[in-house]
Amino acid sequence: MHNTHTIDKLLDTTGLFCPEPVMMLHSTFKDIKAGDVVKVLATDPSTKRDIPKFCLFLGHELIQQVDDGAQYQYVIRKGG
């Protein structure tokens, strides 16, 4: 069973390295409203640590985290 979420914004950080993916995510979250869902695509392994911490510290919900070996995907709901 798959949980499907309406994605309001896609952020492709493929090929970028720390700290760029999190900086871009932070910038994206400034432009969206609470409750919006962002899907992030990344290739930098450090995002496995950085994006969950970003969510935890800033009160956003990490809905899904997928590591397929070549790419990392995150689905995040912006907190209030």
Protein backbone atom coordinates (compact mmCIF):
# COMPACT_ATOMS: atom_id res chain seq x y z
CA MET A 1 0.00 0.00 0.00
CA HIS A 2 1.38 3.37 -1.04
CA ASN A 3 0.59 6.64 0.61
CA THR A 4 -0.04 9.25 -2.03
CA HIS A 5 0.35 12.89 -1.22
CA THR A 6 -0.43 15.84 -3.42
CA ILE A 7 2.91 17.42 -4.22
CA ASP A 8 2.65 21.21 -4.31
CA LYS A 9 6.26 21.80 -5.33
CA LEU A 10 9.12 19.70 -6.71
CA LEU A 11 12.64 20.70 -5.71
CA ASP A 12 15.34 19.00 -7.78
CA THR A 13 18.74 19.35 -6.10
CA THR A 14 20.32 16.53 -8.12
CA GLY A 15 24.06 17.04 -8.51
CA LEU A 16 24.29 19.65 -5.75
CA PHE A 17 26.30 19.18 -2.56
CA CYS A 18 25.97 20.32 1.04
CA PRO A 19 24.88 22.92 1.97
CA GLU A 20 23.09 23.79 -1.29
CA PRO A 21 20.16 21.29 -1.08
CA VAL A 22 19.14 22.46 2.41
CA MET A 23 19.67 26.12 1.50
CA MET A 24 17.40 25.66 -1.53
CA LEU A 25 14.83 23.83 0.61
CA HIS A 26 14.87 26.65 3.15
CA SER A 27 14.35 29.19 0.37
CA THR A 28 11.50 27.12 -1.12
CA PHE A 29 9.75 26.94 2.26
CA LYS A 30 9.76 30.76 2.47
CA ASP A 31 7.65 30.86 -0.71
CA ILE A 32 4.98 28.29 0.20
CA LYS A 33 2.20 28.19 2.78
CA ALA A 34 1.83 25.97 5.85
CA GLY A 35 0.48 22.55 4.90
CA ASP A 36 2.00 22.57 1.41
CA VAL A 37 3.96 19.45 0.45
CA VAL A 38 7.37 19.57 -1.22
CA LYS A 39 9.12 16.63 -2.87
CA VAL A 40 12.91 16.91 -2.87
CA LEU A 41 15.18 14.95 -5.20
CA ALA A 42 18.84 14.76 -4.17
CA THR A 43 22.03 12.85 -4.89
CA ASP A 44 24.14 14.11 -1.97
CA PRO A 45 24.30 11.46 0.79
CA SER A 46 24.58 14.18 3.45
CA THR A 47 20.91 15.02 2.80
CA LYS A 48 20.03 11.78 4.65
CA ARG A 49 21.22 13.56 7.79
CA ASP A 50 20.58 17.21 6.92
CA ILE A 51 16.98 17.10 5.67
CA PRO A 52 15.53 15.16 8.64
CA LYS A 53 17.35 17.60 10.99
CA PHE A 54 15.99 20.55 9.00
CA CYS A 55 12.45 19.18 9.49
CA LEU A 56 12.95 18.41 13.18
CA PHE A 57 14.44 21.79 14.08
CA LEU A 58 12.00 23.87 12.05
CA GLY A 59 8.81 21.92 12.79
CA HIS A 60 8.13 20.43 9.36
CA GLU A 61 6.77 16.91 8.82
CA LEU A 62 9.03 14.44 7.00
CA ILE A 63 6.32 12.30 5.40
CA GLN A 64 8.56 10.03 3.37
CA GLN A 65 12.27 9.38 2.89
CA VAL A 66 13.42 7.03 0.11
CA ASP A 67 16.97 5.94 -0.68
CA ASP A 68 17.15 3.92 -3.89
CA GLY A 69 20.95 3.85 -3.91
CA ALA A 70 21.36 6.43 -6.67
CA GLN A 71 18.94 9.13 -5.57
CA TYR A 72 17.33 10.28 -2.34
CA GLN A 73 13.73 11.44 -2.26
CA TYR A 74 11.99 13.31 0.52
CA VAL A 75 8.36 14.34 0.88
CA ILE A 76 7.95 17.13 3.43
CA ARG A 77 4.87 19.00 4.68
CA LYS A 78 5.52 22.55 5.78
CA GLY A 79 4.65 23.13 9.42
CA GLY A 80 2.57 26.00 10.74
